[in-house]
């Protein structure tokens, strides 16, 4: 099973067309060229894939990938 970081990297590169060489733990969402729509799409994908509730979590463009993973790790489970 892939780690959450590997999964996040795959989403960024395959779904959001982020260049693989720009993806690293300290990269911000802005560094990766994600606008608010892409950030929302990423957040929704993570919610669905990881079954966590990220709706109340703020993910501004300055959010690093490490911080995003921490937010997901501490988010409550998604309700169905």
N, C-alpha and C. Protein backbone atom coordinates (compact mmCIF):
# COMPACT_ATOMS: atom_id res chain seq x y z
N UNK A 1 0.84 -1.18 0.00
CA UNK A 1 0.00 0.00 0.00
C UNK A 1 0.89 1.25 0.00
N UNK A 2 0.55 2.19 -0.83
CA UNK A 2 1.33 3.42 -0.93
C UNK A 2 1.12 4.29 0.30
N UNK A 3 2.16 5.01 0.67
CA UNK A 3 2.03 5.95 1.78
C UNK A 3 1.15 7.12 1.34
N UNK A 4 0.70 7.86 2.32
CA UNK A 4 -0.13 9.03 1.99
C UNK A 4 0.67 10.04 1.16
N UNK A 5 1.94 10.20 1.46
CA UNK A 5 2.76 11.13 0.69
C UNK A 5 2.87 10.66 -0.77
N UNK A 6 3.09 9.38 -0.97
CA UNK A 6 3.17 8.84 -2.34
C UNK A 6 1.84 9.03 -3.07
N UNK A 7 0.75 8.80 -2.36
CA UNK A 7 -0.57 8.98 -2.95
C UNK A 7 -0.80 10.44 -3.32
N UNK A 8 -0.43 11.34 -2.42
CA UNK A 8 -0.56 12.77 -2.68
C UNK A 8 0.27 13.17 -3.90
N UNK A 9 1.48 12.67 -3.97
CA UNK A 9 2.36 12.95 -5.11
C UNK A 9 1.73 12.47 -6.41
N UNK A 10 1.17 11.29 -6.38
CA UNK A 10 0.52 10.74 -7.58
C UNK A 10 -0.68 11.59 -8.00
N UNK A 11 -1.49 12.01 -7.03
CA UNK A 11 -2.63 12.88 -7.36
C UNK A 11 -2.16 14.18 -8.00
N UNK A 12 -1.13 14.77 -7.42
CA UNK A 12 -0.63 16.04 -7.94
C UNK A 12 -0.10 15.90 -9.36
N UNK A 13 0.66 14.85 -9.60
CA UNK A 13 1.30 14.72 -10.91
C UNK A 13 0.36 14.16 -11.98
N UNK A 14 -0.48 13.21 -11.61
CA UNK A 14 -1.34 12.57 -12.60
C UNK A 14 -2.67 13.27 -12.81
N UNK A 15 -3.26 13.76 -11.74
CA UNK A 15 -4.59 14.37 -11.86
C UNK A 15 -4.52 15.88 -12.09
N UNK A 16 -3.53 16.52 -11.46
CA UNK A 16 -3.45 17.98 -11.53
C UNK A 16 -2.28 18.46 -12.39
N UNK A 17 -1.58 17.52 -13.03
CA UNK A 17 -0.51 17.84 -13.98
C UNK A 17 0.62 18.69 -13.41
N UNK A 18 0.96 18.44 -12.16
CA UNK A 18 2.09 19.13 -11.54
C UNK A 18 3.37 18.40 -11.96
N UNK A 19 4.39 19.15 -12.30
CA UNK A 19 5.67 18.56 -12.71
C UNK A 19 6.26 17.78 -11.53
N UNK A 20 6.61 16.51 -11.74
CA UNK A 20 7.12 15.68 -10.65
C UNK A 20 8.34 16.25 -9.93
N UNK A 21 9.20 16.95 -10.66
CA UNK A 21 10.41 17.47 -10.02
C UNK A 21 10.15 18.66 -9.11
N UNK A 22 8.92 19.18 -9.10
CA UNK A 22 8.58 20.29 -8.21
C UNK A 22 7.94 19.82 -6.91
N UNK A 23 7.57 18.55 -6.86
CA UNK A 23 6.87 18.01 -5.69
C UNK A 23 7.89 17.56 -4.65
N UNK A 24 7.82 18.19 -3.47
CA UNK A 24 8.65 17.79 -2.33
C UNK A 24 7.91 18.22 -1.07
N UNK A 25 8.24 17.64 0.07
CA UNK A 25 7.46 17.89 1.30
C UNK A 25 7.30 19.35 1.69
N UNK A 26 8.29 20.18 1.40
CA UNK A 26 8.22 21.59 1.80
C UNK A 26 7.62 22.50 0.73
N UNK A 27 7.22 21.94 -0.40
CA UNK A 27 6.60 22.74 -1.45
C UNK A 27 5.22 23.20 -0.99
N UNK A 28 4.91 24.44 -1.28
CA UNK A 28 3.56 24.93 -0.97
C UNK A 28 2.66 24.64 -2.17
N UNK A 29 1.38 24.71 -1.92
CA UNK A 29 0.43 24.50 -3.01
C UNK A 29 0.64 25.57 -4.08
N UNK A 30 1.00 26.78 -3.66
CA UNK A 30 1.29 27.85 -4.62
C UNK A 30 2.55 27.54 -5.42
N UNK A 31 3.58 27.00 -4.76
CA UNK A 31 4.81 26.62 -5.46
C UNK A 31 4.51 25.65 -6.59
N UNK A 32 3.50 24.81 -6.38
CA UNK A 32 3.14 23.79 -7.36
C UNK A 32 2.21 24.34 -8.44
N UNK A 33 1.87 25.61 -8.33
CA UNK A 33 1.03 26.25 -9.34
C UNK A 33 -0.45 25.99 -9.19
N UNK A 34 -0.87 25.55 -8.00
CA UNK A 34 -2.29 25.25 -7.80
C UNK A 34 -3.06 26.52 -7.46
N UNK A 35 -4.15 26.74 -8.19
CA UNK A 35 -5.04 27.85 -7.86
C UNK A 35 -6.13 27.34 -6.93
N UNK A 36 -7.05 28.21 -6.56
CA UNK A 36 -8.07 27.82 -5.58
C UNK A 36 -8.94 26.67 -6.08
N UNK A 37 -9.22 26.62 -7.35
CA UNK A 37 -10.02 25.52 -7.90
C UNK A 37 -9.26 24.20 -7.83
N UNK A 38 -7.99 24.22 -8.16
CA UNK A 38 -7.18 23.00 -8.09
C UNK A 38 -7.01 22.54 -6.65
N UNK A 39 -6.87 23.49 -5.72
CA UNK A 39 -6.76 23.13 -4.30
C UNK A 39 -8.05 22.47 -3.83
N UNK A 40 -9.18 23.01 -4.25
CA UNK A 40 -10.47 22.41 -3.88
C UNK A 40 -10.60 21.01 -4.46
N UNK A 41 -10.18 20.83 -5.70
CA UNK A 41 -10.23 19.51 -6.33
C UNK A 41 -9.32 18.52 -5.60
N UNK A 42 -8.14 18.97 -5.23
CA UNK A 42 -7.21 18.12 -4.49
C UNK A 42 -7.80 17.73 -3.14
N UNK A 43 -8.34 18.70 -2.43
CA UNK A 43 -8.93 18.45 -1.11
C UNK A 43 -10.08 17.45 -1.20
N UNK A 44 -10.93 17.61 -2.20
CA UNK A 44 -12.05 16.68 -2.36
C UNK A 44 -11.55 15.27 -2.69
N UNK A 45 -10.53 15.17 -3.50
CA UNK A 45 -9.97 13.86 -3.83
C UNK A 45 -9.39 13.19 -2.59
N UNK A 46 -8.68 13.97 -1.78
CA UNK A 46 -8.10 13.42 -0.56
C UNK A 46 -9.20 12.97 0.41
N UNK A 47 -10.25 13.75 0.52
CA UNK A 47 -11.37 13.36 1.38
C UNK A 47 -11.95 12.03 0.94
N UNK A 48 -12.19 11.90 -0.35
CA UNK A 48 -12.78 10.67 -0.88
C UNK A 48 -11.85 9.48 -0.73
N UNK A 49 -10.58 9.69 -1.03
CA UNK A 49 -9.62 8.58 -1.02
C UNK A 49 -9.24 8.15 0.40
N UNK A 50 -9.14 9.11 1.30
CA UNK A 50 -8.67 8.81 2.65
C UNK A 50 -9.79 8.77 3.68
N UNK A 51 -11.01 9.04 3.25
CA UNK A 51 -12.18 8.97 4.13
C UNK A 51 -12.02 9.86 5.37
N UNK A 52 -11.57 11.09 5.11
CA UNK A 52 -11.44 12.08 6.18
C UNK A 52 -12.25 13.31 5.80
N UNK A 53 -12.61 14.09 6.81
CA UNK A 53 -13.40 15.30 6.59
C UNK A 53 -12.47 16.51 6.58
N UNK A 54 -12.21 17.03 5.41
CA UNK A 54 -11.34 18.20 5.27
C UNK A 54 -12.13 19.46 4.94
N UNK A 55 -13.46 19.38 5.00
CA UNK A 55 -14.28 20.53 4.61
C UNK A 55 -14.04 21.75 5.48
N UNK A 56 -13.82 21.56 6.75
CA UNK A 56 -13.64 22.68 7.66
C UNK A 56 -12.19 23.13 7.76
N UNK A 57 -11.31 22.43 7.07
CA UNK A 57 -9.88 22.73 7.14
C UNK A 57 -9.53 23.79 6.09
N UNK A 58 -8.80 24.79 6.52
CA UNK A 58 -8.34 25.82 5.59
C UNK A 58 -7.06 25.36 4.92
N UNK A 59 -7.05 25.39 3.60
CA UNK A 59 -5.85 25.01 2.85
C UNK A 59 -5.50 26.14 1.89
N UNK A 60 -4.93 27.22 2.44
CA UNK A 60 -4.53 28.33 1.58
C UNK A 60 -3.34 27.93 0.70
N UNK A 61 -3.05 28.71 -0.31
CA UNK A 61 -1.93 28.38 -1.20
C UNK A 61 -0.58 28.25 -0.50
N UNK A 62 -0.45 28.82 0.69
CA UNK A 62 0.81 28.75 1.44
C UNK A 62 0.98 27.43 2.19
N UNK A 63 -0.01 26.56 2.13
CA UNK A 63 0.05 25.27 2.81
C UNK A 63 1.11 24.39 2.16
N UNK A 64 2.01 23.84 2.97
CA UNK A 64 3.01 22.91 2.43
C UNK A 64 2.40 21.51 2.34
N UNK A 65 3.03 20.66 1.58
CA UNK A 65 2.55 19.29 1.48
C UNK A 65 2.64 18.58 2.84
N UNK A 66 3.69 18.85 3.59
CA UNK A 66 3.82 18.27 4.92
C UNK A 66 2.66 18.70 5.81
N UNK A 67 2.32 19.98 5.76
CA UNK A 67 1.21 20.47 6.58
C UNK A 67 -0.12 19.88 6.12
N UNK A 68 -0.29 19.74 4.82
CA UNK A 68 -1.52 19.14 4.30
C UNK A 68 -1.67 17.70 4.79
N UNK A 69 -0.58 16.97 4.81
CA UNK A 69 -0.62 15.59 5.32
C UNK A 69 -0.96 15.57 6.81
N UNK A 70 -0.41 16.52 7.56
CA UNK A 70 -0.72 16.61 8.99
C UNK A 70 -2.19 16.92 9.20
N UNK A 71 -2.73 17.83 8.40
CA UNK A 71 -4.15 18.16 8.49
C UNK A 71 -5.01 16.92 8.22
N UNK A 72 -4.63 16.16 7.21
CA UNK A 72 -5.39 14.95 6.88
C UNK A 72 -5.27 13.91 7.99
N UNK A 73 -4.09 13.80 8.58
CA UNK A 73 -3.89 12.82 9.65
C UNK A 73 -4.70 13.16 10.90
N UNK A 74 -4.95 14.44 11.11
CA UNK A 74 -5.66 14.86 12.32
C UNK A 74 -7.14 15.19 12.06
N UNK A 75 -7.56 15.09 10.82
CA UNK A 75 -8.96 15.38 10.47
C UNK A 75 -9.87 14.28 10.99
N UNK A 76 -11.10 14.65 11.33
CA UNK A 76 -12.05 13.62 11.76
C UNK A 76 -12.43 12.72 10.58
N UNK A 77 -12.90 11.54 10.88
CA UNK A 77 -13.35 10.65 9.80
C UNK A 77 -14.52 11.29 9.04
N UNK A 78 -14.59 10.99 7.78
CA UNK A 78 -15.70 11.49 6.97
C UNK A 78 -16.99 10.82 7.41
N UNK A 79 -18.05 11.58 7.37
CA UNK A 79 -19.36 11.00 7.67
C UNK A 79 -20.04 10.66 6.36
N UNK A 80 -20.76 9.59 6.36
CA UNK A 80 -21.42 9.17 5.12
C UNK A 80 -22.89 9.44 5.17
